[in-house]
Amino acid sequence: MTRVSYKNAFRSALQELTELSQQRTDVQIQLDELDERIERVRQGALGLSVLAGIDFQEIKTKYPDLFEEQIDARMGITDAVREALRTESEMLTPMEVRDKVFRISPAIAGHKNPLASIHAVLRRLQDKNEVAYAVHEDTSKTMYGWIGSDDWKQRLKRWIKNSDESIERVTRERERQRRKTETKS
């Protein structure tokens, strides 16, 4: 082969590579659109199952490939937010919480302003010391994390520099709430 024929072969390979890359991009776009449609139909089916009185566990058992990671469609927004945070090892922005809640439960779909509802739930959960928040150093975004479990101190230490002050505050507040509950009993 001559230098010219190598250049022609190179140009041909580049053209094919460009075409294949474009085909892959097109297929990925189609897959993303298909995934979105599948999720919308799945959430719709779960919502209809509630209206039809079909037991959620029966659905998961009968159609495990379609609903394996789904949580009961009757779950409310507060429990869905708890689940979204509980299953994450890292802190999330309110928008990330909203996106996870949409995947967990269709309950939020009926809200006019889902993000406002998420913020309200996060504030309530923060007041109950079930979630902690921090402002990310680099992005200045408010982030939330689940501390309603036994490993809450380790989670805070992982998320927040100089977390001792936060741990003390949460411990004091939990003790105050415990005493308040005992007084009412």
Protein backbone atom coordinates (compact mmCIF):
# COMPACT_ATOMS: atom_id res chain seq x y z
CA MET A 1 0.00 0.00 0.00
CA THR A 2 1.10 3.48 -0.72
CA ARG A 3 0.92 6.52 1.50
CA VAL A 4 -2.11 7.75 -0.48
CA SER A 5 -3.97 4.50 0.01
CA TYR A 6 -3.23 4.63 3.78
CA LYS A 7 -4.63 8.17 3.90
CA ASN A 8 -7.74 7.04 2.04
CA ALA A 9 -8.17 4.11 4.43
CA PHE A 10 -7.67 6.48 7.37
CA ARG A 11 -10.32 8.88 6.03
CA SER A 12 -12.68 5.97 5.50
CA ALA A 13 -12.09 4.73 9.07
CA LEU A 14 -12.71 8.24 10.44
CA GLN A 15 -15.93 8.55 8.49
CA GLU A 16 -17.15 5.16 9.73
CA LEU A 17 -16.12 6.03 13.29
CA THR A 18 -18.05 9.31 13.06
CA GLU A 19 -21.14 7.52 11.72
CA LEU A 20 -20.96 4.82 14.40
CA SER A 21 -20.53 7.42 17.12
CA GLN A 22 -23.59 9.29 15.84
CA GLN A 23 -25.59 6.05 15.69
CA ARG A 24 -24.63 5.31 19.30
CA THR A 25 -25.71 8.83 20.36
CA ASP A 26 -29.03 8.39 18.55
CA VAL A 27 -29.62 5.00 20.19
CA GLN A 28 -28.75 6.42 23.62
CA ILE A 29 -31.26 9.23 23.14
CA GLN A 30 -33.89 6.66 22.18
CA LEU A 31 -33.02 4.55 25.24
CA ASP A 32 -33.28 7.58 27.54
CA GLU A 33 -36.69 8.47 26.07
CA LEU A 34 -37.81 4.87 26.42
CA ASP A 35 -36.67 4.75 30.06
CA GLU A 36 -38.63 7.92 30.81
CA ARG A 37 -41.75 6.51 29.15
CA ILE A 38 -41.41 3.19 30.99
CA GLU A 39 -41.18 5.03 34.31
CA ARG A 40 -44.24 7.17 33.54
CA VAL A 41 -46.27 4.11 32.55
CA ARG A 42 -45.01 2.19 35.62
CA GLN A 43 -46.05 5.01 37.95
CA GLY A 44 -49.40 5.26 36.19
CA ALA A 45 -49.96 1.52 36.57
CA LEU A 46 -49.14 1.72 40.27
CA GLY A 47 -51.54 4.62 40.71
CA LEU A 48 -54.26 2.67 38.91
CA SER A 49 -53.57 -0.37 41.08
CA VAL A 50 -54.44 1.67 44.16
CA LEU A 51 -57.70 2.84 42.59
CA ALA A 52 -58.50 -0.72 41.51
CA GLY A 53 -57.81 -2.07 45.01
CA ILE A 54 -55.04 -4.39 43.83
CA ASP A 55 -52.56 -5.36 46.56
CA PHE A 56 -49.09 -3.93 45.97
CA GLN A 57 -47.24 -7.03 47.22
CA GLU A 58 -49.28 -9.14 44.80
CA ILE A 59 -48.13 -6.91 41.95
CA LYS A 60 -44.47 -7.18 42.99
CA THR A 61 -44.79 -10.97 43.28
CA LYS A 62 -46.61 -11.43 39.98
CA TYR A 63 -44.46 -8.97 37.97
CA PRO A 64 -41.05 -8.88 39.68
CA ASP A 65 -39.18 -7.73 36.56
CA LEU A 66 -41.46 -4.72 36.15
CA PHE A 67 -41.78 -3.59 39.77
CA GLU A 68 -38.81 -5.05 41.68
CA GLU A 69 -37.45 -1.74 43.01
CA GLN A 70 -40.81 -0.05 43.53
CA ILE A 71 -42.19 0.90 46.89
CA ASP A 72 -45.89 0.84 47.77
CA ALA A 73 -47.73 3.42 45.67
CA ARG A 74 -49.84 4.38 48.68
CA MET A 75 -46.74 5.72 50.39
CA GLY A 76 -47.15 9.40 51.20
CA ILE A 77 -44.70 12.14 50.38
CA THR A 78 -43.17 12.28 53.88
CA ASP A 79 -42.40 8.57 53.91
CA ALA A 80 -41.11 8.78 50.35
CA VAL A 81 -38.72 11.60 51.35
CA ARG A 82 -37.58 9.54 54.33
CA GLU A 83 -36.96 6.56 52.05
CA ALA A 84 -35.11 8.69 49.49
CA LEU A 85 -32.72 10.01 52.14
CA ARG A 86 -32.45 6.77 54.13
CA THR A 87 -31.19 4.85 51.12
CA GLU A 88 -28.47 7.38 50.25
CA SER A 89 -25.06 7.42 51.87
CA GLU A 90 -24.43 10.99 50.68
CA MET A 91 -26.34 14.20 51.26
CA LEU A 92 -28.77 15.31 48.54
CA THR A 93 -30.02 18.65 47.27
CA PRO A 94 -33.79 19.20 47.46
CA MET A 95 -33.98 18.68 43.68
CA GLU A 96 -32.19 15.34 44.00
CA VAL A 97 -34.60 14.38 46.79
CA ARG A 98 -37.53 15.34 44.53
CA ASP A 99 -36.19 13.21 41.68
CA LYS A 100 -35.77 10.19 43.96
CA VAL A 101 -39.24 10.71 45.45
CA PHE A 102 -40.74 10.70 41.93
CA ARG A 103 -39.13 7.29 41.38
CA ILE A 104 -40.27 5.97 44.77
CA SER A 105 -43.88 7.09 44.92
CA PRO A 106 -46.43 8.68 42.62
CA ALA A 107 -47.80 10.60 45.64
CA ILE A 108 -45.90 13.74 44.70
CA ALA A 109 -47.26 13.82 41.14
CA GLY A 110 -50.48 15.44 42.34
CA HIS A 111 -48.71 18.38 43.98
CA LYS A 112 -48.86 21.70 42.13
CA ASN A 113 -45.34 22.58 43.22
CA PRO A 114 -43.54 19.35 44.13
CA LEU A 115 -40.29 21.08 45.08
CA ALA A 116 -42.11 23.32 47.59
CA SER A 117 -43.70 20.20 49.10
CA ILE A 118 -40.27 18.55 49.34
CA HIS A 119 -38.87 21.64 51.09
CA ALA A 120 -41.76 21.63 53.58
CA VAL A 121 -41.22 17.94 54.37
CA LEU A 122 -37.46 18.43 54.72
CA ARG A 123 -38.03 21.28 57.21
CA ARG A 124 -40.42 19.14 59.26
CA LEU A 125 -38.00 16.22 59.25
CA GLN A 126 -35.20 18.56 60.23
CA ASP A 127 -37.29 19.87 63.14
CA LYS A 128 -37.75 16.24 64.24
CA ASN A 129 -33.98 15.64 63.90
CA GLU A 130 -34.51 12.97 61.28
CA VAL A 131 -32.47 14.88 58.70
CA ALA A 132 -29.47 17.15 58.88
CA TYR A 133 -28.61 19.87 56.46
CA ALA A 134 -25.43 21.58 55.45
CA VAL A 135 -24.37 24.09 52.84
CA HIS A 136 -21.93 22.64 50.33
CA GLU A 137 -18.64 24.56 50.42
CA ASP A 138 -18.10 24.65 46.67
CA THR A 139 -21.62 25.05 45.30
CA SER A 140 -23.30 26.84 48.23
CA LYS A 141 -26.25 24.48 47.73
CA THR A 142 -28.19 23.26 50.75
CA MET A 143 -27.82 19.50 51.13
CA TYR A 144 -29.87 17.12 53.28
CA GLY A 145 -28.99 13.74 54.76
CA TRP A 146 -30.79 11.11 56.83
CA ILE A 147 -29.82 10.96 60.51
CA GLY A 148 -32.88 9.10 61.78
CA SER A 149 -30.92 5.87 62.10
CA ASP A 150 -28.47 4.36 64.53
CA ASP A 151 -25.46 5.38 62.43
CA TRP A 152 -26.37 9.09 62.39
CA LYS A 153 -23.16 10.17 64.13
CA GLN A 154 -21.01 8.41 61.54
CA ARG A 155 -23.08 9.95 58.75
CA LEU A 156 -22.62 13.46 60.15
CA LYS A 157 -18.88 12.91 60.55
CA ARG A 158 -18.66 11.81 56.93
CA TRP A 159 -20.67 14.78 55.64
CA ILE A 160 -19.68 17.72 57.83
CA LYS A 161 -16.23 18.97 58.78
CA ASN A 162 -16.01 19.67 62.52
CA SER A 163 -19.22 17.69 63.02
CA ASP A 164 -18.84 17.54 66.82
CA GLU A 165 -20.91 20.70 67.25
CA SER A 166 -23.69 19.29 65.05
CA ILE A 167 -23.65 16.00 66.93
CA GLU A 168 -23.95 17.81 70.26
CA ARG A 169 -26.84 19.95 68.97
CA VAL A 170 -28.75 16.94 67.62
CA THR A 171 -28.12 14.97 70.81
CA ARG A 172 -29.41 17.86 72.98
CA GLU A 173 -32.48 18.33 70.80
CA ARG A 174 -33.30 14.61 70.79
CA GLU A 175 -32.96 14.51 74.57
CA ARG A 176 -35.22 17.57 74.90
CA GLN A 177 -37.84 15.95 72.66
CA ARG A 178 -37.63 12.68 74.61
CA ARG A 179 -38.22 14.51 77.92
CA LYS A 180 -41.08 16.48 76.38
CA THR A 181 -42.70 13.23 75.21
CA GLU A 182 -42.23 11.62 78.65
CA THR A 183 -43.81 14.65 80.34
CA LYS A 184 -46.91 14.35 78.14
CA SER A 185 -47.28 10.63 78.96
